[in-house]
Amino acid sequence: MAMDLFCYSSKTFIEVREIMELAADQHKELFATKFLISPAREAGAVQREIALEHGLHAKSIFLIRYNDKSSLDLSSVVIDVVKKELGNNDVVILFENETLR
């Protein structure tokens, strides 16, 4: 069963791609095999509405997939990295697109 973190950002998908590529390079111990980052894309109407429910005007969305289920305990570290890199006020992260992280 796939498990994902849905990440909504108020930054453009181009900005998010650049930031997250750099973050993945700086945190290879997490993002080389344990967690996989999908390329950011423009948020559609449904994604914008979901993010707005959590107070964020989203411009982009990307997923972080749990590639190594035994690394589930590292979720909080991954979330901290994403929030630090994108800015705590510029990202909303939902586990399985339901639970706020």
PDB file of N, CA and C in Angstrom:
ATOM      1  N   MET A   1       0.841  -1.179   0.000  1.00  0.00           N
ATOM      2  CA  MET A   1       0.000   0.000   0.000  1.00  0.00           C
ATOM      3  C   MET A   1       0.884   1.240   0.000  1.00  0.00           C
ATOM      4  N   ALA A   2       0.631   2.142  -0.905  1.00  0.00           N
ATOM      5  CA  ALA A   2       1.382   3.381  -0.990  1.00  0.00           C
ATOM      6  C   ALA A   2       0.920   4.346   0.094  1.00  0.00           C
ATOM      7  N   MET A   3       1.860   5.070   0.652  1.00  0.00           N
ATOM      8  CA  MET A   3       1.545   6.110   1.623  1.00  0.00           C
ATOM      9  C   MET A   3       2.229   7.376   1.148  1.00  0.00           C
ATOM     10  N   ASP A   4       1.477   8.475   1.192  1.00  0.00           N
ATOM     11  CA  ASP A   4       1.996   9.723   0.657  1.00  0.00           C
ATOM     12  C   ASP A   4       1.738  10.891   1.592  1.00  0.00           C
ATOM     13  N   LEU A   5       2.629  11.853   1.520  1.00  0.00           N
ATOM     14  CA  LEU A   5       2.411  13.164   2.104  1.00  0.00           C
ATOM     15  C   LEU A   5       2.056  14.092   0.950  1.00  0.00           C
ATOM     16  N   PHE A   6       0.914  14.726   1.009  1.00  0.00           N
ATOM     17  CA  PHE A   6       0.487  15.683   0.003  1.00  0.00           C
ATOM     18  C   PHE A   6       0.932  17.056   0.477  1.00  0.00           C
ATOM     19  N   CYS A   7       1.767  17.711  -0.313  1.00  0.00           N
ATOM     20  CA  CYS A   7       2.358  18.988   0.071  1.00  0.00           C
ATOM     21  C   CYS A   7       1.841  20.089  -0.847  1.00  0.00           C
ATOM     22  N   TYR A   8       1.150  21.040  -0.246  1.00  0.00           N
ATOM     23  CA  TYR A   8       0.606  22.181  -0.973  1.00  0.00           C
ATOM     24  C   TYR A   8       1.447  23.396  -0.638  1.00  0.00           C
ATOM     25  N   SER A   9       1.774  24.197  -1.652  1.00  0.00           N
ATOM     26  CA  SER A   9       2.615  25.365  -1.402  1.00  0.00           C
ATOM     27  C   SER A   9       2.041  26.608  -2.066  1.00  0.00           C
ATOM     28  N   SER A  10       2.271  27.746  -1.417  1.00  0.00           N
ATOM     29  CA  SER A  10       1.870  29.024  -1.994  1.00  0.00           C
ATOM     30  C   SER A  10       2.904  29.515  -3.005  1.00  0.00           C
ATOM     31  N   LYS A  11       4.002  28.806  -3.129  1.00  0.00           N
ATOM     32  CA  LYS A  11       5.027  29.142  -4.127  1.00  0.00           C
ATOM     33  C   LYS A  11       4.656  28.490  -5.466  1.00  0.00           C
ATOM     34  N   THR A  12       5.213  29.008  -6.542  1.00  0.00           N
ATOM     35  CA  THR A  12       4.954  28.422  -7.860  1.00  0.00           C
ATOM     36  C   THR A  12       5.612  27.053  -7.948  1.00  0.00           C
ATOM     37  N   PHE A  13       5.117  26.228  -8.854  1.00  0.00           N
ATOM     38  CA  PHE A  13       5.694  24.889  -8.978  1.00  0.00           C
ATOM     39  C   PHE A  13       7.154  24.951  -9.411  1.00  0.00           C
ATOM     40  N   ILE A  14       7.531  25.962 -10.147  1.00  0.00           N
ATOM     41  CA  ILE A  14       8.931  26.104 -10.563  1.00  0.00           C
ATOM     42  C   ILE A  14       9.814  26.391  -9.341  1.00  0.00           C
ATOM     43  N   GLU A  15       9.366  27.304  -8.475  1.00  0.00           N
ATOM     44  CA  GLU A  15      10.120  27.599  -7.254  1.00  0.00           C
ATOM     45  C   GLU A  15      10.231  26.354  -6.368  1.00  0.00           C
ATOM     46  N   VAL A  16       9.109  25.641  -6.227  1.00  0.00           N
ATOM     47  CA  VAL A  16       9.098  24.450  -5.377  1.00  0.00           C
ATOM     48  C   VAL A  16      10.040  23.391  -5.928  1.00  0.00           C
ATOM     49  N   ARG A  17      10.020  23.189  -7.235  1.00  0.00           N
ATOM     50  CA  ARG A  17      10.918  22.189  -7.827  1.00  0.00           C
ATOM     51  C   ARG A  17      12.370  22.508  -7.517  1.00  0.00           C
ATOM     52  N   GLU A  18      12.756  23.762  -7.683  1.00  0.00           N
ATOM     53  CA  GLU A  18      14.143  24.161  -7.424  1.00  0.00           C
ATOM     54  C   GLU A  18      14.512  23.959  -5.957  1.00  0.00           C
ATOM     55  N   ILE A  19      13.631  24.392  -5.067  1.00  0.00           N
ATOM     56  CA  ILE A  19      13.893  24.282  -3.633  1.00  0.00           C
ATOM     57  C   ILE A  19      13.978  22.823  -3.209  1.00  0.00           C
ATOM     58  N   MET A  20      13.041  22.008  -3.674  1.00  0.00           N
ATOM     59  CA  MET A  20      13.004  20.616  -3.244  1.00  0.00           C
ATOM     60  C   MET A  20      14.119  19.788  -3.884  1.00  0.00           C
ATOM     61  N   GLU A  21      14.553  20.133  -5.083  1.00  0.00           N
ATOM     62  CA  GLU A  21      15.711  19.449  -5.671  1.00  0.00           C
ATOM     63  C   GLU A  21      16.951  19.706  -4.827  1.00  0.00           C
ATOM     64  N   LEU A  22      17.120  20.941  -4.384  1.00  0.00           N
ATOM     65  CA  LEU A  22      18.255  21.284  -3.527  1.00  0.00           C
ATOM     66  C   LEU A  22      18.139  20.568  -2.179  1.00  0.00           C
ATOM     67  N   ALA A  23      16.943  20.544  -1.607  1.00  0.00           N
ATOM     68  CA  ALA A  23      16.728  19.863  -0.322  1.00  0.00           C
ATOM     69  C   ALA A  23      17.021  18.368  -0.447  1.00  0.00           C
ATOM     70  N   ALA A  24      16.573  17.769  -1.537  1.00  0.00           N
ATOM     71  CA  ALA A  24      16.827  16.337  -1.748  1.00  0.00           C
ATOM     72  C   ALA A  24      18.318  16.064  -1.873  1.00  0.00           C
ATOM     73  N   ASP A  25      19.029  16.963  -2.515  1.00  0.00           N
ATOM     74  CA  ASP A  25      20.470  16.808  -2.655  1.00  0.00           C
ATOM     75  C   ASP A  25      21.178  16.965  -1.307  1.00  0.00           C
ATOM     76  N   GLN A  26      20.688  17.867  -0.480  1.00  0.00           N
ATOM     77  CA  GLN A  26      21.293  18.105   0.831  1.00  0.00           C
ATOM     78  C   GLN A  26      20.934  17.026   1.849  1.00  0.00           C
ATOM     79  N   HIS A  27      19.855  16.304   1.597  1.00  0.00           N
ATOM     80  CA  HIS A  27      19.382  15.281   2.540  1.00  0.00           C
ATOM     81  C   HIS A  27      19.246  13.935   1.832  1.00  0.00           C
ATOM     82  N   LYS A  28      20.319  13.526   1.210  1.00  0.00           N
ATOM     83  CA  LYS A  28      20.309  12.265   0.454  1.00  0.00           C
ATOM     84  C   LYS A  28      19.968  11.067   1.325  1.00  0.00           C
ATOM     85  N   GLU A  29      20.309  11.135   2.611  1.00  0.00           N
ATOM     86  CA  GLU A  29      20.006  10.023   3.510  1.00  0.00           C
ATOM     87  C   GLU A  29      18.496   9.776   3.619  1.00  0.00           C
ATOM     88  N   LEU A  30      17.703  10.807   3.344  1.00  0.00           N
ATOM     89  CA  LEU A  30      16.240  10.667   3.370  1.00  0.00           C
ATOM     90  C   LEU A  30      15.663  10.442   1.985  1.00  0.00           C
ATOM     91  N   PHE A  31      16.109  11.253   1.032  1.00  0.00           N
ATOM     92  CA  PHE A  31      15.423  11.318  -0.254  1.00  0.00           C
ATOM     93  C   PHE A  31      16.030  10.484  -1.374  1.00  0.00           C
ATOM     94  N   ALA A  32      17.119   9.794  -1.107  1.00  0.00           N
ATOM     95  CA  ALA A  32      17.696   8.945  -2.155  1.00  0.00           C
ATOM     96  C   ALA A  32      16.912   7.644  -2.301  1.00  0.00           C
ATOM     97  N   THR A  33      16.499   7.068  -1.166  1.00  0.00           N
ATOM     98  CA  THR A  33      15.790   5.784  -1.236  1.00  0.00           C
ATOM     99  C   THR A  33      14.597   5.680  -0.295  1.00  0.00           C
ATOM    100  N   LYS A  34      14.621   6.357   0.838  1.00  0.00           N
ATOM    101  CA  LYS A  34      13.567   6.185   1.843  1.00  0.00           C
ATOM    102  C   LYS A  34      12.277   6.923   1.496  1.00  0.00           C
ATOM    103  N   PHE A  35      12.407   8.128   0.964  1.00  0.00           N
ATOM    104  CA  PHE A  35      11.264   8.951   0.584  1.00  0.00           C
ATOM    105  C   PHE A  35      11.513   9.490  -0.817  1.00  0.00           C
ATOM    106  N   LEU A  36      10.501   9.461  -1.641  1.00  0.00           N
ATOM    107  CA  LEU A  36      10.633   9.944  -3.021  1.00  0.00           C
ATOM    108  C   LEU A  36       9.761  11.177  -3.208  1.00  0.00           C
ATOM    109  N   ILE A  37      10.330  12.200  -3.818  1.00  0.00           N
ATOM    110  CA  ILE A  37       9.616  13.452  -4.045  1.00  0.00           C
ATOM    111  C   ILE A  37       9.162  13.499  -5.498  1.00  0.00           C
ATOM    112  N   SER A  38       7.868  13.694  -5.703  1.00  0.00           N
ATOM    113  CA  SER A  38       7.363  13.851  -7.070  1.00  0.00           C
ATOM    114  C   SER A  38       7.648  15.275  -7.536  1.00  0.00           C
ATOM    115  N   PRO A  39       7.749  15.483  -8.845  1.00  0.00           N
ATOM    116  CA  PRO A  39       7.925  16.855  -9.334  1.00  0.00           C
ATOM    117  C   PRO A  39       6.703  17.699  -8.980  1.00  0.00           C
ATOM    118  N   ALA A  40       6.951  18.908  -8.527  1.00  0.00           N
ATOM    119  CA  ALA A  40       5.850  19.821  -8.221  1.00  0.00           C
ATOM    120  C   ALA A  40       5.120  20.178  -9.510  1.00  0.00           C
ATOM    121  N   ARG A  41       3.824  20.405  -9.372  1.00  0.00           N
ATOM    122  CA  ARG A  41       3.002  20.821 -10.508  1.00  0.00           C
ATOM    123  C   ARG A  41       2.023  21.885 -10.033  1.00  0.00           C
ATOM    124  N   GLU A  42       1.408  22.544 -10.972  1.00  0.00           N
ATOM    125  CA  GLU A  42       0.434  23.571 -10.642  1.00  0.00           C
ATOM    126  C   GLU A  42      -0.770  22.940  -9.945  1.00  0.00           C
ATOM    127  N   ALA A  43      -1.232  23.589  -8.903  1.00  0.00           N
ATOM    128  CA  ALA A  43      -2.397  23.090  -8.168  1.00  0.00           C
ATOM    129  C   ALA A  43      -3.662  23.370  -8.983  1.00  0.00           C
ATOM    130  N   GLY A  44      -4.511  22.364  -9.079  1.00  0.00           N
ATOM    131  CA  GLY A  44      -5.791  22.517  -9.742  1.00  0.00           C
ATOM    132  C   GLY A  44      -6.830  23.061  -8.778  1.00  0.00           C
ATOM    133  N   ALA A  45      -8.036  23.216  -9.236  1.00  0.00           N
ATOM    134  CA  ALA A  45      -9.106  23.792  -8.432  1.00  0.00           C
ATOM    135  C   ALA A  45      -9.363  22.988  -7.162  1.00  0.00           C
ATOM    136  N   VAL A  46      -9.395  21.682  -7.283  1.00  0.00           N
ATOM    137  CA  VAL A  46      -9.654  20.834  -6.111  1.00  0.00           C
ATOM    138  C   VAL A  46      -8.514  20.957  -5.109  1.00  0.00           C
ATOM    139  N   GLN A  47      -7.272  20.937  -5.585  1.00  0.00           N
ATOM    140  CA  GLN A  47      -6.126  21.061  -4.689  1.00  0.00           C
ATOM    141  C   GLN A  47      -6.109  22.430  -3.997  1.00  0.00           C
ATOM    142  N   ARG A  48      -6.444  23.469  -4.750  1.00  0.00           N
ATOM    143  CA  ARG A  48      -6.492  24.811  -4.147  1.00  0.00           C
ATOM    144  C   ARG A  48      -7.562  24.870  -3.056  1.00  0.00           C
ATOM    145  N   GLU A  49      -8.695  24.233  -3.292  1.00  0.00           N
ATOM    146  CA  GLU A  49      -9.770  24.216  -2.303  1.00  0.00           C
ATOM    147  C   GLU A  49      -9.356  23.451  -1.043  1.00  0.00           C
ATOM    148  N   ILE A  50      -8.700  22.312  -1.214  1.00  0.00           N
ATOM    149  CA  ILE A  50      -8.232  21.526  -0.062  1.00  0.00           C
ATOM    150  C   ILE A  50      -7.251  22.352   0.768  1.00  0.00           C
ATOM    151  N   ALA A  51      -6.297  22.984   0.117  1.00  0.00           N
ATOM    152  CA  ALA A  51      -5.305  23.793   0.838  1.00  0.00           C
ATOM    153  C   ALA A  51      -5.967  24.979   1.534  1.00  0.00           C
ATOM    154  N   LEU A  52      -6.943  25.582   0.893  1.00  0.00           N
ATOM    155  CA  LEU A  52      -7.630  26.736   1.470  1.00  0.00           C
ATOM    156  C   LEU A  52      -8.376  26.355   2.746  1.00  0.00           C
ATOM    157  N   GLU A  53      -8.841  25.119   2.824  1.00  0.00           N
ATOM    158  CA  GLU A  53      -9.478  24.634   4.054  1.00  0.00           C
ATOM    159  C   GLU A  53      -8.517  24.689   5.236  1.00  0.00           C
ATOM    160  N   HIS A  54      -7.226  24.718   4.936  1.00  0.00           N
ATOM    161  CA  HIS A  54      -6.191  24.780   5.965  1.00  0.00           C
ATOM    162  C   HIS A  54      -5.501  26.145   5.977  1.00  0.00           C
ATOM    163  N   GLY A  55      -6.117  27.130   5.329  1.00  0.00           N
ATOM    164  CA  GLY A  55      -5.628  28.500   5.379  1.00  0.00           C
ATOM    165  C   GLY A  55      -4.525  28.853   4.408  1.00  0.00           C
ATOM    166  N   LEU A  56      -4.318  28.053   3.375  1.00  0.00           N
ATOM    167  CA  LEU A  56      -3.229  28.313   2.425  1.00  0.00           C
ATOM    168  C   LEU A  56      -3.777  28.510   1.018  1.00  0.00           C
ATOM    169  N   HIS A  57      -3.337  29.558   0.364  1.00  0.00           N
ATOM    170  CA  HIS A  57      -3.671  29.785  -1.047  1.00  0.00           C
ATOM    171  C   HIS A  57      -2.596  29.081  -1.885  1.00  0.00           C
ATOM    172  N   ALA A  58      -2.883  27.856  -2.270  1.00  0.00           N
ATOM    173  CA  ALA A  58      -1.891  27.022  -2.955  1.00  0.00           C
ATOM    174  C   ALA A  58      -1.764  27.370  -4.428  1.00  0.00           C
ATOM    175  N   LYS A  59      -0.530  27.400  -4.881  1.00  0.00           N
ATOM    176  CA  LYS A  59      -0.228  27.536  -6.297  1.00  0.00           C
ATOM    177  C   LYS A  59       0.316  26.235  -6.861  1.00  0.00           C
ATOM    178  N   SER A  60       0.852  25.386  -5.976  1.00  0.00           N
ATOM    179  CA  SER A  60       1.466  24.148  -6.453  1.00  0.00           C
ATOM    180  C   SER A  60       1.235  23.019  -5.457  1.00  0.00           C
ATOM    181  N   ILE A  61       1.481  21.813  -5.963  1.00  0.00           N
ATOM    182  CA  ILE A  61       1.348  20.609  -5.153  1.00  0.00           C
ATOM    183  C   ILE A  61       2.438  19.627  -5.566  1.00  0.00           C
ATOM    184  N   PHE A  62       2.901  18.857  -4.591  1.00  0.00           N
ATOM    185  CA  PHE A  62       3.796  17.734  -4.878  1.00  0.00           C
ATOM    186  C   PHE A  62       3.571  16.681  -3.808  1.00  0.00           C
ATOM    187  N   LEU A  63       4.004  15.479  -4.093  1.00  0.00           N
ATOM    188  CA  LEU A  63       3.854  14.372  -3.153  1.00  0.00           C
ATOM    189  C   LEU A  63       5.213  13.903  -2.670  1.00  0.00           C
ATOM    190  N   ILE A  64       5.214  13.402  -1.459  1.00  0.00           N
ATOM    191  CA  ILE A  64       6.376  12.688  -0.944  1.00  0.00           C
ATOM    192  C   ILE A  64       5.882  11.291  -0.619  1.00  0.00           C
ATOM    193  N   ARG A  65       6.437  10.329  -1.313  1.00  0.00           N
ATOM    194  CA  ARG A  65       6.007   8.934  -1.171  1.00  0.00           C
ATOM    195  C   ARG A  65       6.953   8.199  -0.231  1.00  0.00           C
ATOM    196  N   TYR A  66       6.355   7.440   0.685  1.00  0.00           N
ATOM    197  CA  TYR A  66       7.136   6.568   1.562  1.00  0.00           C
ATOM    198  C   TYR A  66       7.611   5.398   0.716  1.00  0.00           C
ATOM    199  N   ASN A  67       8.876   5.365   0.393  1.00  0.00           N
ATOM    200  CA  ASN A  67       9.429   4.302  -0.430  1.00  0.00           C
ATOM    201  C   ASN A  67       9.913   3.135   0.428  1.00  0.00           C
ATOM    202  N   ASP A  68      10.315   3.431   1.641  1.00  0.00           N
ATOM    203  CA  ASP A  68      10.807   2.415   2.573  1.00  0.00           C
ATOM    204  C   ASP A  68       9.935   2.496   3.823  1.00  0.00           C
ATOM    205  N   LYS A  69       8.964   1.603   3.928  1.00  0.00           N
ATOM    206  CA  LYS A  69       7.987   1.642   5.027  1.00  0.00           C
ATOM    207  C   LYS A  69       8.649   1.517   6.399  1.00  0.00           C
ATOM    208  N   SER A  70       9.820   0.941   6.456  1.00  0.00           N
ATOM    209  CA  SER A  70      10.517   0.835   7.740  1.00  0.00           C
ATOM    210  C   SER A  70      11.046   2.196   8.214  1.00  0.00           C
ATOM    211  N   SER A  71      10.976   3.205   7.357  1.00  0.00           N
ATOM    212  CA  SER A  71      11.441   4.544   7.707  1.00  0.00           C
ATOM    213  C   SER A  71      10.309   5.456   8.158  1.00  0.00           C
ATOM    214  N   LEU A  72       9.179   4.878   8.470  1.00  0.00           N
ATOM    215  CA  LEU A  72       8.009   5.646   8.892  1.00  0.00           C
ATOM    216  C   LEU A  72       8.329   6.567  10.067  1.00  0.00           C
ATOM    217  N   ASP A  73       9.212   6.146  10.938  1.00  0.00           N
ATOM    218  CA  ASP A  73       9.576   6.950  12.100  1.00  0.00           C
ATOM    219  C   ASP A  73      10.341   8.226  11.720  1.00  0.00           C
ATOM    220  N   LEU A  74      10.778   8.331  10.479  1.00  0.00           N
ATOM    221  CA  LEU A  74      11.490   9.529  10.011  1.00  0.00           C
ATOM    222  C   LEU A  74      10.551  10.568   9.408  1.00  0.00           C
ATOM    223  N   SER A  75       9.261  10.303   9.436  1.00  0.00           N
ATOM    224  CA  SER A  75       8.270  11.218   8.849  1.00  0.00           C
ATOM    225  C   SER A  75       8.395  12.632   9.395  1.00  0.00           C
ATOM    226  N   SER A  76       8.543  12.752  10.704  1.00  0.00           N
ATOM    227  CA  SER A  76       8.617  14.092  11.298  1.00  0.00           C
ATOM    228  C   SER A  76       9.859  14.834  10.822  1.00  0.00           C
ATOM    229  N   VAL A  77      10.944  14.121  10.582  1.00  0.00           N
ATOM    230  CA  VAL A  77      12.169  14.748  10.068  1.00  0.00           C
ATOM    231  C   VAL A  77      11.923  15.273   8.650  1.00  0.00           C
ATOM    232  N   VAL A  78      11.279  14.458   7.823  1.00  0.00           N
ATOM    233  CA  VAL A  78      10.965  14.865   6.447  1.00  0.00           C
ATOM    234  C   VAL A  78      10.058  16.095   6.456  1.00  0.00           C
ATOM    235  N   ILE A  79       9.055  16.078   7.289  1.00  0.00           N
ATOM    236  CA  ILE A  79       8.128  17.206   7.381  1.00  0.00           C
ATOM    237  C   ILE A  79       8.863  18.465   7.830  1.00  0.00           C
ATOM    238  N   ASP A  80       9.748  18.344   8.812  1.00  0.00           N
ATOM    239  CA  ASP A  80      10.536  19.492   9.266  1.00  0.00           C
ATOM    240  C   ASP A  80      11.413  20.048   8.148  1.00  0.00           C
ATOM    241  N   VAL A  81      12.031  19.168   7.359  1.00  0.00           N
ATOM    242  CA  VAL A  81      12.871  19.611   6.238  1.00  0.00           C
ATOM    243  C   VAL A  81      12.033  20.394   5.236  1.00  0.00           C
ATOM    244  N   VAL A  82      10.877  19.867   4.869  1.00  0.00           N
ATOM    245  CA  VAL A  82      10.014  20.526   3.874  1.00  0.00           C
ATOM    246  C   VAL A  82       9.566  21.898   4.386  1.00  0.00           C
ATOM    247  N   LYS A  83       9.120  21.957   5.627  1.00  0.00           N
ATOM    248  CA  LYS A  83       8.664  23.235   6.197  1.00  0.00           C
ATOM    249  C   LYS A  83       9.808  24.243   6.299  1.00  0.00           C
ATOM    250  N   LYS A  84      10.986  23.768   6.657  1.00  0.00           N
ATOM    251  CA  LYS A  84      12.143  24.667   6.751  1.00  0.00           C
ATOM    252  C   LYS A  84      12.508  25.210   5.376  1.00  0.00           C
ATOM    253  N   GLU A  85      12.537  24.342   4.380  1.00  0.00           N
ATOM    254  CA  GLU A  85      12.963  24.747   3.040  1.00  0.00           C
ATOM    255  C   GLU A  85      11.939  25.637   2.332  1.00  0.00           C
ATOM    256  N   LEU A  86      10.663  25.326   2.475  1.00  0.00           N
ATOM    257  CA  LEU A  86       9.621  26.097   1.776  1.00  0.00           C
ATOM    258  C   LEU A  86       9.094  27.258   2.613  1.00  0.00           C
ATOM    259  N   GLY A  87       9.306  27.214   3.905  1.00  0.00           N
ATOM    260  CA  GLY A  87       8.765  28.227   4.800  1.00  0.00           C
ATOM    261  C   GLY A  87       7.508  27.692   5.467  1.00  0.00           C
ATOM    262  N   ASN A  88       7.492  27.702   6.763  1.00  0.00           N
ATOM    263  CA  ASN A  88       6.391  27.123   7.536  1.00  0.00           C
ATOM    264  C   ASN A  88       5.027  27.676   7.123  1.00  0.00           C
ATOM    265  N   ASN A  89       4.968  28.952   6.762  1.00  0.00           N
ATOM    266  CA  ASN A  89       3.699  29.575   6.374  1.00  0.00           C
ATOM    267  C   ASN A  89       3.372  29.389   4.894  1.00  0.00           C
ATOM    268  N   ASP A  90       4.268  28.775   4.150  1.00  0.00           N
ATOM    269  CA  ASP A  90       4.084  28.611   2.704  1.00  0.00           C
ATOM    270  C   ASP A  90       3.808  27.176   2.296  1.00  0.00           C
ATOM    271  N   VAL A  91       3.534  26.307   3.266  1.00  0.00           N
ATOM    272  CA  VAL A  91       3.278  24.908   2.926  1.00  0.00           C
ATOM    273  C   VAL A  91       2.276  24.306   3.913  1.00  0.00           C
ATOM    274  N   VAL A  92       1.410  23.459   3.381  1.00  0.00           N
ATOM    275  CA  VAL A  92       0.505  22.633   4.172  1.00  0.00           C
ATOM    276  C   VAL A  92       0.796  21.197   3.768  1.00  0.00           C
ATOM    277  N   ILE A  93       1.004  20.339   4.755  1.00  0.00           N
ATOM    278  CA  ILE A  93       1.325  18.937   4.485  1.00  0.00           C
ATOM    279  C   ILE A  93       0.242  18.062   5.101  1.00  0.00           C
ATOM    280  N   LEU A  94      -0.340  17.215   4.264  1.00  0.00           N
ATOM    281  CA  LEU A  94      -1.398  16.313   4.701  1.00  0.00           C
ATOM    282  C   LEU A  94      -0.987  14.865   4.457  1.00  0.00           C
ATOM    283  N   PHE A  95      -1.066  14.050   5.489  1.00  0.00           N
ATOM    284  CA  PHE A  95      -0.812  12.633   5.330  1.00  0.00           C
ATOM    285  C   PHE A  95      -2.019  12.008   4.647  1.00  0.00           C
ATOM    286  N   GLU A  96      -1.771  11.344   3.525  1.00  0.00           N
ATOM    287  CA  GLU A  96      -2.830  10.724   2.718  1.00  0.00           C
ATOM    288  C   GLU A  96      -3.935  11.714   2.340  1.00  0.00           C
ATOM    289  N   ASN A  97      -3.548  12.982   2.244  1.00  0.00           N
ATOM    290  CA  ASN A  97      -4.431  14.076   1.841  1.00  0.00           C
ATOM    291  C   ASN A  97      -5.585  14.287   2.818  1.00  0.00           C
ATOM    292  N   GLU A  98      -5.389  13.834   4.056  1.00  0.00           N
ATOM    293  CA  GLU A  98      -6.451  13.962   5.044  1.00  0.00           C
ATOM    294  C   GLU A  98      -6.000  14.553   6.367  1.00  0.00           C
ATOM    295  N   THR A  99      -4.891  14.072   6.914  1.00  0.00           N
ATOM    296  CA  THR A  99      -4.475  14.444   8.256  1.00  0.00           C
ATOM    297  C   THR A  99      -3.369  15.492   8.197  1.00  0.00           C
ATOM    298  N   LEU A 100      -3.614  16.636   8.808  1.00  0.00           N
ATOM    299  CA  LEU A 100      -2.643  17.727   8.827  1.00  0.00           C
ATOM    300  C   LEU A 100      -1.400  17.309   9.588  1.00  0.00           C
ATOM    301  N   ARG A 101      -0.250  17.598   9.019  1.00  0.00           N
ATOM    302  CA  ARG A 101       1.040  17.296   9.665  1.00  0.00           C
ATOM    303  C   ARG A 101       1.794  18.553   9.951  1.00  0.00           C
TER     304      ARG A 101
END
